[in-house]
């Protein structure tokens, strides 16, 4: 009994509330659609008095340089057609003369025999042979005070005339080398070694 009676009361209250709401429905408040635009603050808005514009002045471009300030354009000088100077020719320098190398001590063996001979009128043409060792050619050979000649060979033939059969053949021979050496020797050839003289029979 208790549950049914309570349910009946709650149902009656709900009907009463619904009736009241139907007679007086709630009205929605109007929404203000006006939007206030955003105005950005400027650098001078704090110091500007009310009523005056606070807009920032536009930047002005610098005036172009006048003809007096602009640098004058200079024309580059035209290239010259002058050819470069010719190279200086340096004459070649001759190498300094070098002293000839010495082969050794200058020497020769004085002749002891007649190398060759032949009759020449009333006299005889005699040839002596000189073998030169050491020194540096060319060599200058003298027979007594007479210069016989200059040679690059190491064998030199001395020519002179001789007709005596009464005395031995005695004279000096001098040989000079290109390296500054000089040697002088005497030779002796007896009468019995002179083929044109008749050897007396014993």
Protein backbone atom coordinates (compact mmCIF):
# COMPACT_ATOMS: atom_id res chain seq x y z
CA UNK A 1 0.00 0.00 0.00
CA UNK A 2 2.81 2.33 0.89
CA UNK A 3 4.64 1.96 -2.49
CA UNK A 4 1.60 2.54 -4.62
CA UNK A 5 0.59 5.65 -2.62
CA UNK A 6 4.13 7.14 -2.99
CA UNK A 7 4.25 6.53 -6.67
CA UNK A 8 0.93 8.27 -7.09
CA UNK A 9 2.13 11.37 -5.28
CA UNK A 10 5.37 11.64 -7.33
CA UNK A 11 3.42 11.27 -10.54
CA UNK A 12 1.03 14.01 -9.55
CA UNK A 13 3.89 16.41 -8.75
CA UNK A 14 5.51 15.76 -12.09
CA UNK A 15 2.30 16.56 -13.92
CA UNK A 16 1.94 19.80 -11.96
CA UNK A 17 5.48 20.96 -12.84
CA UNK A 18 5.02 20.17 -16.50
CA UNK A 19 1.83 22.21 -16.59
CA UNK A 20 3.55 25.18 -15.06
CA UNK A 21 6.36 25.11 -17.56
CA UNK A 22 3.97 24.90 -20.45
CA UNK A 23 2.20 28.07 -19.39
CA UNK A 24 5.39 30.11 -18.81
CA UNK A 25 8.18 28.92 -21.17
CA UNK A 26 11.74 30.38 -20.51
CA UNK A 27 12.96 33.06 -22.92
CA UNK A 28 16.59 33.14 -24.09
CA UNK A 29 18.51 36.36 -23.67
CA UNK A 30 19.52 38.07 -26.93
CA UNK A 31 23.18 37.70 -27.92
CA UNK A 32 25.07 40.87 -28.84
CA UNK A 33 26.61 40.26 -32.25
CA UNK A 34 28.58 43.48 -32.33
CA UNK A 35 32.31 42.70 -32.47
CA UNK A 36 34.72 45.33 -31.27
CA UNK A 37 37.65 45.56 -33.70
CA UNK A 38 41.16 45.15 -32.28
CA UNK A 39 43.21 48.30 -32.52
CA UNK A 40 46.97 47.64 -32.07
CA UNK A 41 48.83 49.91 -29.79
CA UNK A 42 51.34 52.24 -31.45
CA UNK A 43 54.63 53.52 -30.21
CA UNK A 44 53.15 56.97 -29.42
CA UNK A 45 49.67 55.86 -28.16
CA UNK A 46 50.62 56.33 -24.51
CA UNK A 47 51.90 59.87 -24.96
CA UNK A 48 49.30 61.12 -27.49
CA UNK A 49 46.44 63.23 -26.06
CA UNK A 50 42.90 61.95 -26.43
CA UNK A 51 41.22 62.64 -29.74
CA UNK A 52 44.44 62.79 -31.77
CA UNK A 53 45.59 60.12 -34.26
CA UNK A 54 48.38 57.82 -33.11
CA UNK A 55 49.26 56.42 -36.54
CA UNK A 56 52.96 55.91 -37.22
CA UNK A 57 54.23 58.16 -40.04
CA UNK A 58 55.27 56.33 -43.20
CA UNK A 59 59.05 56.08 -43.91
CA UNK A 60 60.17 58.35 -46.67
CA UNK A 61 62.72 57.13 -49.24
CA UNK A 62 66.06 58.94 -49.46
CA UNK A 63 66.26 61.30 -52.43
CA UNK A 64 68.43 60.07 -55.34
CA UNK A 65 71.94 61.52 -55.53
CA UNK A 66 72.25 64.63 -57.63
CA UNK A 67 74.59 64.99 -60.55
CA UNK A 68 77.04 66.87 -58.33
CA UNK A 69 77.20 64.05 -55.78
CA UNK A 70 77.31 61.16 -58.27
CA UNK A 71 80.90 60.15 -59.21
CA UNK A 72 81.79 60.93 -62.76
CA UNK A 73 82.47 57.87 -64.90
CA UNK A 74 85.97 57.84 -66.40
CA UNK A 75 86.79 56.08 -69.61
CA UNK A 76 89.57 53.45 -69.39
CA UNK A 77 92.65 54.30 -71.48
CA UNK A 78 92.77 52.38 -74.76
CA UNK A 79 95.32 49.52 -74.89
CA UNK A 80 98.63 50.37 -76.46
CA UNK A 81 100.01 48.44 -79.41
CA UNK A 82 103.65 48.90 -78.37
CA UNK A 83 105.42 45.50 -78.73
CA UNK A 84 107.55 44.29 -75.82
CA UNK A 85 111.29 44.88 -76.13
CA UNK A 86 113.22 41.97 -77.68
CA UNK A 87 115.19 39.79 -75.26
CA UNK A 88 118.78 40.77 -74.77
CA UNK A 89 121.17 38.28 -76.28
CA UNK A 90 123.97 37.34 -73.92
CA UNK A 91 127.08 36.17 -75.75
CA UNK A 92 128.23 32.77 -74.60
CA UNK A 93 131.26 32.82 -72.40
CA UNK A 94 134.11 30.55 -73.31
CA UNK A 95 135.12 28.15 -70.57
CA UNK A 96 138.42 29.00 -68.91
CA UNK A 97 141.39 27.14 -70.37
CA UNK A 98 142.32 24.11 -68.38
CA UNK A 99 145.87 23.10 -67.84
CA UNK A 100 146.74 19.83 -69.57
CA UNK A 101 147.02 16.87 -67.29
CA UNK A 102 150.55 15.61 -66.78
CA UNK A 103 151.05 12.01 -67.83
CA UNK A 104 154.29 11.72 -65.90
CA UNK A 105 157.84 12.92 -65.73
CA UNK A 106 159.14 14.00 -69.11
CA UNK A 107 162.07 11.88 -70.32
CA UNK A 108 163.75 10.36 -73.38
CA UNK A 109 166.63 8.04 -74.06
CA UNK A 110 169.44 9.74 -76.03
CA UNK A 111 170.29 7.94 -79.30
CA UNK A 112 173.38 5.71 -79.39
CA UNK A 113 173.19 4.62 -83.04
CA UNK A 114 172.42 6.16 -86.43
CA UNK A 115 168.73 5.49 -87.19
CA UNK A 116 169.13 6.14 -90.94
CA UNK A 117 171.40 7.93 -93.41
CA UNK A 118 171.85 8.63 -97.11
CA UNK A 119 174.58 10.32 -99.18
CA UNK A 120 173.86 13.91 -100.09
CA UNK A 121 176.50 15.32 -102.45
CA UNK A 122 179.78 15.53 -100.64
CA UNK A 123 178.15 14.93 -97.27
CA UNK A 124 175.63 12.62 -95.62
CA UNK A 125 172.06 13.13 -94.39
CA UNK A 126 171.84 11.61 -90.92
CA UNK A 127 168.63 10.70 -89.04
CA UNK A 128 168.46 10.16 -85.26
CA UNK A 129 165.42 8.77 -83.48
CA UNK A 130 164.10 10.16 -80.15
CA UNK A 131 161.48 8.25 -78.10
CA UNK A 132 159.63 10.59 -75.68
CA UNK A 133 157.95 9.36 -72.50
CA UNK A 134 155.90 11.29 -69.92
CA UNK A 135 154.85 14.90 -70.25
CA UNK A 136 151.92 16.19 -72.34
CA UNK A 137 151.99 16.71 -76.12
CA UNK A 138 152.69 18.65 -78.18
CA UNK A 139 156.45 18.52 -77.69
CA UNK A 140 159.11 20.88 -78.98
CA UNK A 141 162.43 19.22 -79.90
CA UNK A 142 165.74 21.04 -80.38
CA UNK A 143 169.06 19.63 -81.68
CA UNK A 144 171.79 21.71 -80.17
CA UNK A 145 170.76 25.39 -80.61
CA UNK A 146 168.44 24.57 -83.55
CA UNK A 147 164.72 23.91 -83.04
CA UNK A 148 163.84 20.86 -85.10
CA UNK A 149 160.05 21.18 -84.79
CA UNK A 150 156.91 20.49 -82.75
CA UNK A 151 155.04 17.21 -82.69
CA UNK A 152 152.17 15.49 -80.89
CA UNK A 153 153.78 12.10 -81.48
CA UNK A 154 156.12 10.53 -78.98
CA UNK A 155 158.55 9.50 -81.70
CA UNK A 156 160.54 12.34 -83.28
CA UNK A 157 163.18 12.10 -86.03
CA UNK A 158 166.06 14.56 -85.99
CA UNK A 159 167.66 15.25 -89.38
CA UNK A 160 171.02 16.93 -89.97
CA UNK A 161 174.15 16.64 -92.17
CA UNK A 162 177.41 14.95 -91.07
CA UNK A 163 180.50 13.92 -93.08
CA UNK A 164 183.31 13.56 -90.60
CA UNK A 165 184.92 10.23 -89.88
CA UNK A 166 187.61 11.60 -87.63
CA UNK A 167 185.59 12.42 -84.51
CA UNK A 168 182.64 11.03 -82.62
CA UNK A 169 179.23 12.58 -83.01
CA UNK A 170 178.51 14.56 -79.83
CA UNK A 171 175.56 16.96 -79.41
CA UNK A 172 172.63 17.82 -77.05
CA UNK A 173 168.92 17.18 -77.50
CA UNK A 174 166.27 19.25 -75.66
CA UNK A 175 162.61 18.26 -75.36
CA UNK A 176 159.94 20.62 -73.93
CA UNK A 177 156.44 19.46 -72.92
CA UNK A 178 153.14 21.40 -72.96
CA UNK A 179 152.81 21.06 -69.21
CA UNK A 180 155.98 23.12 -68.70
CA UNK A 181 158.51 20.32 -68.30
CA UNK A 182 161.84 20.50 -70.15
CA UNK A 183 164.65 17.96 -70.31
CA UNK A 184 168.06 18.17 -71.99
CA UNK A 185 170.47 15.30 -72.62
CA UNK A 186 173.74 14.79 -74.56
CA UNK A 187 174.31 11.86 -76.89
CA UNK A 188 177.54 10.24 -78.05
CA UNK A 189 177.98 8.16 -81.21
CA UNK A 190 181.52 6.96 -81.95
CA UNK A 191 183.08 6.79 -85.43
CA UNK A 192 182.82 3.01 -85.62
CA UNK A 193 179.02 3.36 -85.49
CA UNK A 194 178.96 5.64 -88.54
CA UNK A 195 178.12 3.41 -91.50
CA UNK A 196 179.60 5.77 -94.16
CA UNK A 197 183.05 5.67 -92.56
CA UNK A 198 185.44 2.84 -93.66
CA UNK A 199 186.57 0.82 -90.71
CA UNK A 200 190.37 0.36 -90.90
CA UNK A 201 191.44 -3.25 -91.18
CA UNK A 202 193.51 -4.63 -88.31
